[in-house]
Amino acid sequence: MPDSTIPLVMWFLIPLSLTILIESAAAWLLGIRTILFYASMICINLMTNPPFCFFLLLFYRFNNVPITLITVILEVMIVLIEWRLLVWVFPQKSKSMFGLSLTMNGSSYLIGVLIQYVLSFL
């Protein structure tokens, strides 16, 4: 694999794959079993995760703003955007979709932090 593709995998494909896996597991544990939900969740993550990673990379590389602050701001924005997209697909469940978005993204974020922590020791 050429060196130029390693950042692509590291900054975009791995986080996207882990996000979809973790959020799918969280939804499954919450009792969601419909194909429509999982297809919607994957499409929504395909729309929101790459821009999240891009902005995180951009701030990480070119800005003096603390990365934790940027991450929290971006995560809050992602929760709200994904909530509204879920409501667009499932309009009768607005409140429950907000809780679901918060739970899925919160679990994804916390497990991501745990993975980074563990990897820092390798």
PDB file of N, CA and C in Angstrom:
ATOM      1  N   MET A   1       0.855  -1.168   0.000  1.00  0.00           N
ATOM      2  CA  MET A   1       0.000   0.000   0.000  1.00  0.00           C
ATOM      3  C   MET A   1       0.905   1.237   0.000  1.00  0.00           C
ATOM      4  N   PRO A   2       0.700   2.156  -0.930  1.00  0.00           N
ATOM      5  CA  PRO A   2       1.521   3.374  -0.940  1.00  0.00           C
ATOM      6  C   PRO A   2       1.308   4.203   0.318  1.00  0.00           C
ATOM      7  N   ASP A   3       2.333   4.965   0.677  1.00  0.00           N
ATOM      8  CA  ASP A   3       2.271   5.770   1.893  1.00  0.00           C
ATOM      9  C   ASP A   3       1.102   6.740   1.909  1.00  0.00           C
ATOM     10  N   SER A   4       0.697   7.243   0.747  1.00  0.00           N
ATOM     11  CA  SER A   4      -0.380   8.240   0.711  1.00  0.00           C
ATOM     12  C   SER A   4      -1.739   7.662   1.082  1.00  0.00           C
ATOM     13  N   THR A   5      -1.899   6.352   0.983  1.00  0.00           N
ATOM     14  CA  THR A   5      -3.196   5.762   1.325  1.00  0.00           C
ATOM     15  C   THR A   5      -3.304   5.429   2.808  1.00  0.00           C
ATOM     16  N   ILE A   6      -2.189   5.354   3.503  1.00  0.00           N
ATOM     17  CA  ILE A   6      -2.232   5.030   4.938  1.00  0.00           C
ATOM     18  C   ILE A   6      -3.025   6.076   5.716  1.00  0.00           C
ATOM     19  N   PRO A   7      -2.776   7.394   5.503  1.00  0.00           N
ATOM     20  CA  PRO A   7      -3.611   8.373   6.221  1.00  0.00           C
ATOM     21  C   PRO A   7      -5.091   8.263   5.863  1.00  0.00           C
ATOM     22  N   LEU A   8      -5.380   7.937   4.607  1.00  0.00           N
ATOM     23  CA  LEU A   8      -6.773   7.781   4.207  1.00  0.00           C
ATOM     24  C   LEU A   8      -7.436   6.688   5.027  1.00  0.00           C
ATOM     25  N   VAL A   9      -6.772   5.554   5.150  1.00  0.00           N
ATOM     26  CA  VAL A   9      -7.315   4.449   5.928  1.00  0.00           C
ATOM     27  C   VAL A   9      -7.386   4.828   7.405  1.00  0.00           C
ATOM     28  N   MET A  10      -6.315   5.412   7.908  1.00  0.00           N
ATOM     29  CA  MET A  10      -6.254   5.734   9.333  1.00  0.00           C
ATOM     30  C   MET A  10      -7.274   6.801   9.722  1.00  0.00           C
ATOM     31  N   TRP A  11      -7.441   7.819   8.899  1.00  0.00           N
ATOM     32  CA  TRP A  11      -8.296   8.946   9.265  1.00  0.00           C
ATOM     33  C   TRP A  11      -9.747   8.808   8.822  1.00  0.00           C
ATOM     34  N   PHE A  12     -10.037   7.903   7.867  1.00  0.00           N
ATOM     35  CA  PHE A  12     -11.400   7.841   7.345  1.00  0.00           C
ATOM     36  C   PHE A  12     -12.015   6.440   7.391  1.00  0.00           C
ATOM     37  N   LEU A  13     -11.390   5.454   6.832  1.00  0.00           N
ATOM     38  CA  LEU A  13     -12.024   4.145   6.717  1.00  0.00           C
ATOM     39  C   LEU A  13     -12.109   3.392   8.042  1.00  0.00           C
ATOM     40  N   ILE A  14     -11.052   3.444   8.825  1.00  0.00           N
ATOM     41  CA  ILE A  14     -11.088   2.750  10.122  1.00  0.00           C
ATOM     42  C   ILE A  14     -12.115   3.390  11.063  1.00  0.00           C
ATOM     43  N   PRO A  15     -12.107   4.731  11.228  1.00  0.00           N
ATOM     44  CA  PRO A  15     -13.142   5.325  12.094  1.00  0.00           C
ATOM     45  C   PRO A  15     -14.573   5.075  11.599  1.00  0.00           C
ATOM     46  N   LEU A  16     -14.774   5.139  10.288  1.00  0.00           N
ATOM     47  CA  LEU A  16     -16.110   4.892   9.745  1.00  0.00           C
ATOM     48  C   LEU A  16     -16.542   3.461  10.033  1.00  0.00           C
ATOM     49  N   SER A  17     -15.669   2.513   9.791  1.00  0.00           N
ATOM     50  CA  SER A  17     -15.999   1.103  10.039  1.00  0.00           C
ATOM     51  C   SER A  17     -16.285   0.846  11.513  1.00  0.00           C
ATOM     52  N   LEU A  18     -15.440   1.383  12.377  1.00  0.00           N
ATOM     53  CA  LEU A  18     -15.655   1.197  13.816  1.00  0.00           C
ATOM     54  C   LEU A  18     -16.941   1.871  14.284  1.00  0.00           C
ATOM     55  N   THR A  19     -17.224   3.059  13.754  1.00  0.00           N
ATOM     56  CA  THR A  19     -18.453   3.768  14.124  1.00  0.00           C
ATOM     57  C   THR A  19     -19.682   2.959  13.747  1.00  0.00           C
ATOM     58  N   ILE A  20     -19.705   2.445  12.532  1.00  0.00           N
ATOM     59  CA  ILE A  20     -20.855   1.647  12.076  1.00  0.00           C
ATOM     60  C   ILE A  20     -20.988   0.386  12.931  1.00  0.00           C
ATOM     61  N   LEU A  21     -19.886  -0.266  13.212  1.00  0.00           N
ATOM     62  CA  LEU A  21     -19.917  -1.483  14.028  1.00  0.00           C
ATOM     63  C   LEU A  21     -20.413  -1.199  15.449  1.00  0.00           C
ATOM     64  N   ILE A  22     -19.866  -0.181  16.082  1.00  0.00           N
ATOM     65  CA  ILE A  22     -20.223   0.141  17.468  1.00  0.00           C
ATOM     66  C   ILE A  22     -21.664   0.639  17.563  1.00  0.00           C
ATOM     67  N   GLU A  23     -22.064   1.516  16.645  1.00  0.00           N
ATOM     68  CA  GLU A  23     -23.431   2.041  16.695  1.00  0.00           C
ATOM     69  C   GLU A  23     -24.454   0.962  16.356  1.00  0.00           C
ATOM     70  N   SER A  24     -24.089   0.043  15.477  1.00  0.00           N
ATOM     71  CA  SER A  24     -24.985  -1.083  15.183  1.00  0.00           C
ATOM     72  C   SER A  24     -25.156  -1.956  16.416  1.00  0.00           C
ATOM     73  N   ALA A  25     -24.054  -2.214  17.110  1.00  0.00           N
ATOM     74  CA  ALA A  25     -24.127  -3.018  18.337  1.00  0.00           C
ATOM     75  C   ALA A  25     -24.973  -2.313  19.394  1.00  0.00           C
ATOM     76  N   ALA A  26     -24.805  -1.005  19.531  1.00  0.00           N
ATOM     77  CA  ALA A  26     -25.594  -0.248  20.516  1.00  0.00           C
ATOM     78  C   ALA A  26     -27.088  -0.322  20.175  1.00  0.00           C
ATOM     79  N   ALA A  27     -27.423  -0.151  18.911  1.00  0.00           N
ATOM     80  CA  ALA A  27     -28.827  -0.229  18.497  1.00  0.00           C
ATOM     81  C   ALA A  27     -29.381  -1.629  18.730  1.00  0.00           C
ATOM     82  N   TRP A  28     -28.578  -2.643  18.435  1.00  0.00           N
ATOM     83  CA  TRP A  28     -28.999  -4.032  18.653  1.00  0.00           C
ATOM     84  C   TRP A  28     -29.284  -4.280  20.133  1.00  0.00           C
ATOM     85  N   LEU A  29     -28.384  -3.780  20.978  1.00  0.00           N
ATOM     86  CA  LEU A  29     -28.581  -3.956  22.421  1.00  0.00           C
ATOM     87  C   LEU A  29     -29.819  -3.212  22.922  1.00  0.00           C
ATOM     88  N   LEU A  30     -30.211  -2.151  22.221  1.00  0.00           N
ATOM     89  CA  LEU A  30     -31.417  -1.407  22.585  1.00  0.00           C
ATOM     90  C   LEU A  30     -32.680  -2.027  21.989  1.00  0.00           C
ATOM     91  N   GLY A  31     -32.527  -3.141  21.266  1.00  0.00           N
ATOM     92  CA  GLY A  31     -33.672  -3.873  20.761  1.00  0.00           C
ATOM     93  C   GLY A  31     -34.113  -3.508  19.355  1.00  0.00           C
ATOM     94  N   ILE A  32     -33.313  -2.754  18.642  1.00  0.00           N
ATOM     95  CA  ILE A  32     -33.683  -2.379  17.276  1.00  0.00           C
ATOM     96  C   ILE A  32     -33.230  -3.475  16.339  1.00  0.00           C
ATOM     97  N   ARG A  33     -34.175  -3.993  15.549  1.00  0.00           N
ATOM     98  CA  ARG A  33     -33.880  -5.151  14.701  1.00  0.00           C
ATOM     99  C   ARG A  33     -34.300  -4.969  13.240  1.00  0.00           C
ATOM    100  N   THR A  34     -34.735  -3.787  12.826  1.00  0.00           N
ATOM    101  CA  THR A  34     -35.249  -3.641  11.460  1.00  0.00           C
ATOM    102  C   THR A  34     -34.133  -3.320  10.466  1.00  0.00           C
ATOM    103  N   ILE A  35     -34.250  -3.906   9.308  1.00  0.00           N
ATOM    104  CA  ILE A  35     -33.295  -3.663   8.223  1.00  0.00           C
ATOM    105  C   ILE A  35     -33.325  -2.189   7.823  1.00  0.00           C
ATOM    106  N   LEU A  36     -34.511  -1.587   7.788  1.00  0.00           N
ATOM    107  CA  LEU A  36     -34.628  -0.176   7.421  1.00  0.00           C
ATOM    108  C   LEU A  36     -33.798   0.701   8.360  1.00  0.00           C
ATOM    109  N   PHE A  37     -33.835   0.403   9.655  1.00  0.00           N
ATOM    110  CA  PHE A  37     -33.053   1.205  10.589  1.00  0.00           C
ATOM    111  C   PHE A  37     -31.565   1.076  10.300  1.00  0.00           C
ATOM    112  N   TYR A  38     -31.073  -0.159  10.139  1.00  0.00           N
ATOM    113  CA  TYR A  38     -29.632  -0.351   9.930  1.00  0.00           C
ATOM    114  C   TYR A  38     -29.170   0.233   8.602  1.00  0.00           C
ATOM    115  N   ALA A  39     -29.985   0.103   7.576  1.00  0.00           N
ATOM    116  CA  ALA A  39     -29.634   0.713   6.288  1.00  0.00           C
ATOM    117  C   ALA A  39     -29.592   2.233   6.424  1.00  0.00           C
ATOM    118  N   SER A  40     -30.562   2.804   7.137  1.00  0.00           N
ATOM    119  CA  SER A  40     -30.594   4.252   7.367  1.00  0.00           C
ATOM    120  C   SER A  40     -29.395   4.697   8.185  1.00  0.00           C
ATOM    121  N   MET A  41     -29.084   3.943   9.234  1.00  0.00           N
ATOM    122  CA  MET A  41     -27.964   4.298  10.096  1.00  0.00           C
ATOM    123  C   MET A  41     -26.640   4.261   9.333  1.00  0.00           C
ATOM    124  N   ILE A  42     -26.459   3.282   8.488  1.00  0.00           N
ATOM    125  CA  ILE A  42     -25.232   3.202   7.687  1.00  0.00           C
ATOM    126  C   ILE A  42     -25.153   4.383   6.726  1.00  0.00           C
ATOM    127  N   CYS A  43     -26.250   4.690   6.042  1.00  0.00           N
ATOM    128  CA  CYS A  43     -26.256   5.837   5.121  1.00  0.00           C
ATOM    129  C   CYS A  43     -25.985   7.151   5.855  1.00  0.00           C
ATOM    130  N   ILE A  44     -26.587   7.309   7.009  1.00  0.00           N
ATOM    131  CA  ILE A  44     -26.381   8.527   7.800  1.00  0.00           C
ATOM    132  C   ILE A  44     -24.921   8.635   8.226  1.00  0.00           C
ATOM    133  N   ASN A  45     -24.335   7.527   8.669  1.00  0.00           N
ATOM    134  CA  ASN A  45     -22.924   7.557   9.055  1.00  0.00           C
ATOM    135  C   ASN A  45     -22.011   7.813   7.863  1.00  0.00           C
ATOM    136  N   LEU A  46     -22.385   7.334   6.702  1.00  0.00           N
ATOM    137  CA  LEU A  46     -21.601   7.634   5.489  1.00  0.00           C
ATOM    138  C   LEU A  46     -21.629   9.129   5.176  1.00  0.00           C
ATOM    139  N   MET A  47     -22.707   9.811   5.578  1.00  0.00           N
ATOM    140  CA  MET A  47     -22.807  11.260   5.349  1.00  0.00           C
ATOM    141  C   MET A  47     -22.131  12.082   6.443  1.00  0.00           C
ATOM    142  N   THR A  48     -22.121  11.585   7.670  1.00  0.00           N
ATOM    143  CA  THR A  48     -21.635  12.412   8.776  1.00  0.00           C
ATOM    144  C   THR A  48     -20.216  12.080   9.234  1.00  0.00           C
ATOM    145  N   ASN A  49     -19.810  10.815   9.161  1.00  0.00           N
ATOM    146  CA  ASN A  49     -18.506  10.443   9.699  1.00  0.00           C
ATOM    147  C   ASN A  49     -17.322  10.990   8.903  1.00  0.00           C
ATOM    148  N   PRO A  50     -17.318  10.895   7.565  1.00  0.00           N
ATOM    149  CA  PRO A  50     -16.170  11.455   6.834  1.00  0.00           C
ATOM    150  C   PRO A  50     -15.972  12.963   7.051  1.00  0.00           C
ATOM    151  N   PRO A  51     -17.034  13.792   7.029  1.00  0.00           N
ATOM    152  CA  PRO A  51     -16.800  15.213   7.344  1.00  0.00           C
ATOM    153  C   PRO A  51     -16.285  15.417   8.764  1.00  0.00           C
ATOM    154  N   PHE A  52     -16.796  14.633   9.718  1.00  0.00           N
ATOM    155  CA  PHE A  52     -16.304  14.715  11.095  1.00  0.00           C
ATOM    156  C   PHE A  52     -14.802  14.446  11.130  1.00  0.00           C
ATOM    157  N   CYS A  53     -14.383  13.364  10.489  1.00  0.00           N
ATOM    158  CA  CYS A  53     -12.957  13.010  10.457  1.00  0.00           C
ATOM    159  C   CYS A  53     -12.140  14.067   9.732  1.00  0.00           C
ATOM    160  N   PHE A  54     -12.690  14.610   8.648  1.00  0.00           N
ATOM    161  CA  PHE A  54     -11.982  15.641   7.892  1.00  0.00           C
ATOM    162  C   PHE A  54     -11.765  16.887   8.750  1.00  0.00           C
ATOM    163  N   PHE A  55     -12.820  17.365   9.416  1.00  0.00           N
ATOM    164  CA  PHE A  55     -12.679  18.557  10.257  1.00  0.00           C
ATOM    165  C   PHE A  55     -11.754  18.301  11.445  1.00  0.00           C
ATOM    166  N   LEU A  56     -11.820  17.114  11.998  1.00  0.00           N
ATOM    167  CA  LEU A  56     -10.924  16.761  13.093  1.00  0.00           C
ATOM    168  C   LEU A  56      -9.470  16.784  12.617  1.00  0.00           C
ATOM    169  N   LEU A  57      -9.231  16.199  11.459  1.00  0.00           N
ATOM    170  CA  LEU A  57      -7.881  16.209  10.872  1.00  0.00           C
ATOM    171  C   LEU A  57      -7.433  17.632  10.567  1.00  0.00           C
ATOM    172  N   LEU A  58      -8.329  18.434  10.024  1.00  0.00           N
ATOM    173  CA  LEU A  58      -8.014  19.817   9.681  1.00  0.00           C
ATOM    174  C   LEU A  58      -7.619  20.615  10.925  1.00  0.00           C
ATOM    175  N   PHE A  59      -8.405  20.508  11.980  1.00  0.00           N
ATOM    176  CA  PHE A  59      -8.079  21.222  13.213  1.00  0.00           C
ATOM    177  C   PHE A  59      -6.820  20.664  13.867  1.00  0.00           C
ATOM    178  N   TYR A  60      -6.636  19.358  13.770  1.00  0.00           N
ATOM    179  CA  TYR A  60      -5.460  18.719  14.354  1.00  0.00           C
ATOM    180  C   TYR A  60      -4.184  19.205  13.665  1.00  0.00           C
ATOM    181  N   ARG A  61      -4.242  19.356  12.357  1.00  0.00           N
ATOM    182  CA  ARG A  61      -3.058  19.726  11.583  1.00  0.00           C
ATOM    183  C   ARG A  61      -2.768  21.224  11.569  1.00  0.00           C
ATOM    184  N   PHE A  62      -3.815  22.046  11.520  1.00  0.00           N
ATOM    185  CA  PHE A  62      -3.608  23.458  11.194  1.00  0.00           C
ATOM    186  C   PHE A  62      -4.126  24.445  12.226  1.00  0.00           C
ATOM    187  N   ASN A  63      -4.404  24.032  13.414  1.00  0.00           N
ATOM    188  CA  ASN A  63      -5.000  24.950  14.360  1.00  0.00           C
ATOM    189  C   ASN A  63      -4.423  24.729  15.752  1.00  0.00           C
ATOM    190  N   ASN A  64      -4.455  25.759  16.547  1.00  0.00           N
ATOM    191  CA  ASN A  64      -3.976  25.659  17.919  1.00  0.00           C
ATOM    192  C   ASN A  64      -5.102  25.449  18.930  1.00  0.00           C
ATOM    193  N   VAL A  65      -6.313  25.204  18.449  1.00  0.00           N
ATOM    194  CA  VAL A  65      -7.454  24.959  19.323  1.00  0.00           C
ATOM    195  C   VAL A  65      -7.297  23.555  19.926  1.00  0.00           C
ATOM    196  N   PRO A  66      -7.556  23.402  21.211  1.00  0.00           N
ATOM    197  CA  PRO A  66      -7.433  22.071  21.834  1.00  0.00           C
ATOM    198  C   PRO A  66      -8.319  21.047  21.117  1.00  0.00           C
ATOM    199  N   ILE A  67      -7.740  19.925  20.756  1.00  0.00           N
ATOM    200  CA  ILE A  67      -8.447  18.909  19.980  1.00  0.00           C
ATOM    201  C   ILE A  67      -9.639  18.343  20.746  1.00  0.00           C
ATOM    202  N   THR A  68      -9.563  18.297  22.073  1.00  0.00           N
ATOM    203  CA  THR A  68     -10.686  17.791  22.868  1.00  0.00           C
ATOM    204  C   THR A  68     -11.899  18.700  22.722  1.00  0.00           C
ATOM    205  N   LEU A  69     -11.681  20.005  22.756  1.00  0.00           N
ATOM    206  CA  LEU A  69     -12.785  20.954  22.586  1.00  0.00           C
ATOM    207  C   LEU A  69     -13.435  20.798  21.214  1.00  0.00           C
ATOM    208  N   ILE A  70     -12.625  20.713  20.177  1.00  0.00           N
ATOM    209  CA  ILE A  70     -13.148  20.540  18.818  1.00  0.00           C
ATOM    210  C   ILE A  70     -13.913  19.227  18.704  1.00  0.00           C
ATOM    211  N   THR A  71     -13.375  18.167  19.303  1.00  0.00           N
ATOM    212  CA  THR A  71     -14.043  16.864  19.244  1.00  0.00           C
ATOM    213  C   THR A  71     -15.417  16.922  19.903  1.00  0.00           C
ATOM    214  N   VAL A  72     -15.508  17.547  21.050  1.00  0.00           N
ATOM    215  CA  VAL A  72     -16.792  17.647  21.754  1.00  0.00           C
ATOM    216  C   VAL A  72     -17.788  18.468  20.937  1.00  0.00           C
ATOM    217  N   ILE A  73     -17.347  19.584  20.396  1.00  0.00           N
ATOM    218  CA  ILE A  73     -18.231  20.421  19.574  1.00  0.00           C
ATOM    219  C   ILE A  73     -18.720  19.647  18.356  1.00  0.00           C
ATOM    220  N   LEU A  74     -17.809  18.964  17.680  1.00  0.00           N
ATOM    221  CA  LEU A  74     -18.195  18.182  16.501  1.00  0.00           C
ATOM    222  C   LEU A  74     -19.124  17.032  16.875  1.00  0.00           C
ATOM    223  N   GLU A  75     -18.869  16.377  17.994  1.00  0.00           N
ATOM    224  CA  GLU A  75     -19.738  15.270  18.422  1.00  0.00           C
ATOM    225  C   GLU A  75     -21.153  15.754  18.720  1.00  0.00           C
ATOM    226  N   VAL A  76     -21.275  16.901  19.374  1.00  0.00           N
ATOM    227  CA  VAL A  76     -22.603  17.465  19.648  1.00  0.00           C
ATOM    228  C   VAL A  76     -23.316  17.761  18.330  1.00  0.00           C
ATOM    229  N   MET A  77     -22.600  18.335  17.385  1.00  0.00           N
ATOM    230  CA  MET A  77     -23.192  18.618  16.073  1.00  0.00           C
ATOM    231  C   MET A  77     -23.626  17.327  15.378  1.00  0.00           C
ATOM    232  N   ILE A  78     -22.813  16.292  15.473  1.00  0.00           N
ATOM    233  CA  ILE A  78     -23.142  15.011  14.840  1.00  0.00           C
ATOM    234  C   ILE A  78     -24.393  14.400  15.472  1.00  0.00           C
ATOM    235  N   VAL A  79     -24.490  14.447  16.800  1.00  0.00           N
ATOM    236  CA  VAL A  79     -25.681  13.916  17.477  1.00  0.00           C
ATOM    237  C   VAL A  79     -26.930  14.629  16.959  1.00  0.00           C
ATOM    238  N   LEU A  80     -26.876  15.943  16.868  1.00  0.00           N
ATOM    239  CA  LEU A  80     -28.046  16.712  16.413  1.00  0.00           C
ATOM    240  C   LEU A  80     -28.364  16.444  14.945  1.00  0.00           C
ATOM    241  N   ILE A  81     -27.340  16.390  14.101  1.00  0.00           N
ATOM    242  CA  ILE A  81     -27.569  16.126  12.669  1.00  0.00           C
ATOM    243  C   ILE A  81     -28.130  14.721  12.466  1.00  0.00           C
ATOM    244  N   GLU A  82     -27.529  13.743  13.124  1.00  0.00           N
ATOM    245  CA  GLU A  82     -28.010  12.368  12.956  1.00  0.00           C
ATOM    246  C   GLU A  82     -29.417  12.197  13.532  1.00  0.00           C
ATOM    247  N   TRP A  83     -29.711  12.890  14.617  1.00  0.00           N
ATOM    248  CA  TRP A  83     -31.071  12.855  15.174  1.00  0.00           C
ATOM    249  C   TRP A  83     -32.073  13.361  14.145  1.00  0.00           C
ATOM    250  N   ARG A  84     -31.784  14.509  13.536  1.00  0.00           N
ATOM    251  CA  ARG A  84     -32.717  15.068  12.558  1.00  0.00           C
ATOM    252  C   ARG A  84     -32.855  14.164  11.328  1.00  0.00           C
ATOM    253  N   LEU A  85     -31.774  13.540  10.917  1.00  0.00           N
ATOM    254  CA  LEU A  85     -31.856  12.611   9.781  1.00  0.00           C
ATOM    255  C   LEU A  85     -32.663  11.367  10.152  1.00  0.00           C
ATOM    256  N   LEU A  86     -32.501  10.871  11.369  1.00  0.00           N
ATOM    257  CA  LEU A  86     -33.309   9.730  11.813  1.00  0.00           C
ATOM    258  C   LEU A  86     -34.787  10.104  11.890  1.00  0.00           C
ATOM    259  N   VAL A  87     -35.074  11.322  12.347  1.00  0.00           N
ATOM    260  CA  VAL A  87     -36.467  11.782  12.404  1.00  0.00           C
ATOM    261  C   VAL A  87     -37.042  11.921  10.997  1.00  0.00           C
ATOM    262  N   TRP A  88     -36.218  12.295  10.058  1.00  0.00           N
ATOM    263  CA  TRP A  88     -36.668  12.402   8.669  1.00  0.00           C
ATOM    264  C   TRP A  88     -37.089  11.029   8.146  1.00  0.00           C
ATOM    265  N   VAL A  89     -36.343   9.983   8.553  1.00  0.00           N
ATOM    266  CA  VAL A  89     -36.674   8.622   8.123  1.00  0.00           C
ATOM    267  C   VAL A  89     -37.817   8.050   8.963  1.00  0.00           C
ATOM    268  N   PHE A  90     -37.816   8.332  10.260  1.00  0.00           N
ATOM    269  CA  PHE A  90     -38.820   7.802  11.194  1.00  0.00           C
ATOM    270  C   PHE A  90     -39.525   8.976  11.885  1.00  0.00           C
ATOM    271  N   PRO A  91     -40.407   9.719  11.192  1.00  0.00           N
ATOM    272  CA  PRO A  91     -40.961  10.970  11.732  1.00  0.00           C
ATOM    273  C   PRO A  91     -41.809  10.815  12.994  1.00  0.00           C
ATOM    274  N   GLN A  92     -42.378   9.683  13.225  1.00  0.00           N
ATOM    275  CA  GLN A  92     -43.252   9.511  14.380  1.00  0.00           C
ATOM    276  C   GLN A  92     -42.477   9.285  15.677  1.00  0.00           C
ATOM    277  N   LYS A  93     -41.150   9.211  15.613  1.00  0.00           N
ATOM    278  CA  LYS A  93     -40.370   8.853  16.803  1.00  0.00           C
ATOM    279  C   LYS A  93     -39.302   9.896  17.128  1.00  0.00           C
ATOM    280  N   SER A  94     -39.634  11.166  17.118  1.00  0.00           N
ATOM    281  CA  SER A  94     -38.643  12.225  17.280  1.00  0.00           C
ATOM    282  C   SER A  94     -37.875  12.136  18.595  1.00  0.00           C
ATOM    283  N   LYS A  95     -38.593  12.035  19.718  1.00  0.00           N
ATOM    284  CA  LYS A  95     -37.915  12.012  21.022  1.00  0.00           C
ATOM    285  C   LYS A  95     -37.058  10.762  21.191  1.00  0.00           C
ATOM    286  N   SER A  96     -37.592   9.631  20.798  1.00  0.00           N
ATOM    287  CA  SER A  96     -36.817   8.398  20.954  1.00  0.00           C
ATOM    288  C   SER A  96     -35.614   8.386  20.016  1.00  0.00           C
ATOM    289  N   MET A  97     -35.722   9.032  18.864  1.00  0.00           N
ATOM    290  CA  MET A  97     -34.589   9.100  17.936  1.00  0.00           C
ATOM    291  C   MET A  97     -33.472   9.985  18.489  1.00  0.00           C
ATOM    292  N   PHE A  98     -33.836  11.017  19.260  1.00  0.00           N
ATOM    293  CA  PHE A  98     -32.797  11.837  19.884  1.00  0.00           C
ATOM    294  C   PHE A  98     -32.022  11.009  20.906  1.00  0.00           C
ATOM    295  N   GLY A  99     -32.730  10.283  21.748  1.00  0.00           N
ATOM    296  CA  GLY A  99     -32.076   9.422  22.736  1.00  0.00           C
ATOM    297  C   GLY A  99     -31.228   8.353  22.078  1.00  0.00           C
ATOM    298  N   LEU A 100     -31.732   7.811  20.987  1.00  0.00           N
ATOM    299  CA  LEU A 100     -30.995   6.792  20.253  1.00  0.00           C
ATOM    300  C   LEU A 100     -29.720   7.373  19.644  1.00  0.00           C
ATOM    301  N   SER A 101     -29.836   8.542  19.031  1.00  0.00           N
ATOM    302  CA  SER A 101     -28.666   9.201  18.444  1.00  0.00           C
ATOM    303  C   SER A 101     -27.628   9.499  19.514  1.00  0.00           C
ATOM    304  N   LEU A 102     -28.081  10.006  20.637  1.00  0.00           N
ATOM    305  CA  LEU A 102     -27.183  10.320  21.747  1.00  0.00           C
ATOM    306  C   LEU A 102     -26.507   9.051  22.283  1.00  0.00           C
ATOM    307  N   THR A 103     -27.277   7.988  22.449  1.00  0.00           N
ATOM    308  CA  THR A 103     -26.734   6.731  22.961  1.00  0.00           C
ATOM    309  C   THR A 103     -25.737   6.110  21.993  1.00  0.00           C
ATOM    310  N   MET A 104     -26.102   6.046  20.719  1.00  0.00           N
ATOM    311  CA  MET A 104     -25.209   5.435  19.728  1.00  0.00           C
ATOM    312  C   MET A 104     -23.915   6.227  19.588  1.00  0.00           C
ATOM    313  N   ASN A 105     -24.037   7.544  19.472  1.00  0.00           N
ATOM    314  CA  ASN A 105     -22.841   8.370  19.303  1.00  0.00           C
ATOM    315  C   ASN A 105     -22.010   8.426  20.573  1.00  0.00           C
ATOM    316  N   GLY A 106     -22.673   8.447  21.721  1.00  0.00           N
ATOM    317  CA  GLY A 106     -21.943   8.423  22.987  1.00  0.00           C
ATOM    318  C   GLY A 106     -21.154   7.134  23.154  1.00  0.00           C
ATOM    319  N   SER A 107     -21.777   6.010  22.840  1.00  0.00           N
ATOM    320  CA  SER A 107     -21.065   4.731  22.963  1.00  0.00           C
ATOM    321  C   SER A 107     -19.931   4.655  21.950  1.00  0.00           C
ATOM    322  N   SER A 108     -20.165   5.140  20.755  1.00  0.00           N
ATOM    323  CA  SER A 108     -19.123   5.145  19.729  1.00  0.00           C
ATOM    324  C   SER A 108     -17.941   6.011  20.159  1.00  0.00           C
ATOM    325  N   TYR A 109     -18.237   7.181  20.694  1.00  0.00           N
ATOM    326  CA  TYR A 109     -17.174   8.086  21.145  1.00  0.00           C
ATOM    327  C   TYR A 109     -16.389   7.476  22.306  1.00  0.00           C
ATOM    328  N   LEU A 110     -17.097   6.971  23.310  1.00  0.00           N
ATOM    329  CA  LEU A 110     -16.417   6.423  24.490  1.00  0.00           C
ATOM    330  C   LEU A 110     -15.576   5.186  24.156  1.00  0.00           C
ATOM    331  N   ILE A 111     -16.096   4.316  23.315  1.00  0.00           N
ATOM    332  CA  ILE A 111     -15.322   3.139  22.912  1.00  0.00           C
ATOM    333  C   ILE A 111     -14.130   3.565  22.053  1.00  0.00           C
ATOM    334  N   GLY A 112     -14.319   4.588  21.218  1.00  0.00           N
ATOM    335  CA  GLY A 112     -13.196   5.123  20.434  1.00  0.00           C
ATOM    336  C   GLY A 112     -12.096   5.673  21.315  1.00  0.00           C
ATOM    337  N   VAL A 113     -12.474   6.395  22.372  1.00  0.00           N
ATOM    338  CA  VAL A 113     -11.486   6.919  23.327  1.00  0.00           C
ATOM    339  C   VAL A 113     -10.763   5.765  24.019  1.00  0.00           C
ATOM    340  N   LEU A 114     -11.515   4.737  24.392  1.00  0.00           N
ATOM    341  CA  LEU A 114     -10.910   3.566  25.033  1.00  0.00           C
ATOM    342  C   LEU A 114      -9.927   2.869  24.083  1.00  0.00           C
ATOM    343  N   ILE A 115     -10.299   2.715  22.828  1.00  0.00           N
ATOM    344  CA  ILE A 115      -9.409   2.093  21.840  1.00  0.00           C
ATOM    345  C   ILE A 115      -8.134   2.918  21.680  1.00  0.00           C
ATOM    346  N   GLN A 116      -8.268   4.235  21.583  1.00  0.00           N
ATOM    347  CA  GLN A 116      -7.082   5.095  21.468  1.00  0.00           C
ATOM    348  C   GLN A 116      -6.195   4.976  22.695  1.00  0.00           C
ATOM    349  N   TYR A 117      -6.806   4.898  23.867  1.00  0.00           N
ATOM    350  CA  TYR A 117      -6.044   4.764  25.109  1.00  0.00           C
ATOM    351  C   TYR A 117      -5.246   3.459  25.120  1.00  0.00           C
ATOM    352  N   VAL A 118      -5.918   2.366  24.746  1.00  0.00           N
ATOM    353  CA  VAL A 118      -5.244   1.069  24.713  1.00  0.00           C
ATOM    354  C   VAL A 118      -4.118   1.072  23.676  1.00  0.00           C
ATOM    355  N   LEU A 119      -4.394   1.627  22.505  1.00  0.00           N
ATOM    356  CA  LEU A 119      -3.374   1.670  21.446  1.00  0.00           C
ATOM    357  C   LEU A 119      -2.177   2.530  21.813  1.00  0.00           C
ATOM    358  N   SER A 120      -2.365   3.493  22.694  1.00  0.00           N
ATOM    359  CA  SER A 120      -1.247   4.358  23.093  1.00  0.00           C
ATOM    360  C   SER A 120      -0.185   3.584  23.874  1.00  0.00           C
ATOM    361  N   PHE A 121      -0.543   2.414  24.396  1.00  0.00           N
ATOM    362  CA  PHE A 121       0.413   1.591  25.137  1.00  0.00           C
ATOM    363  C   PHE A 121       1.125   0.564  24.270  1.00  0.00           C
ATOM    364  N   LEU A 122       0.699   0.433  23.028  1.00  0.00           N
ATOM    365  CA  LEU A 122       1.323  -0.570  22.138  1.00  0.00           C
ATOM    366  C   LEU A 122       2.516  -0.002  21.420  1.00  0.00           C
TER     367      LEU A 122
END
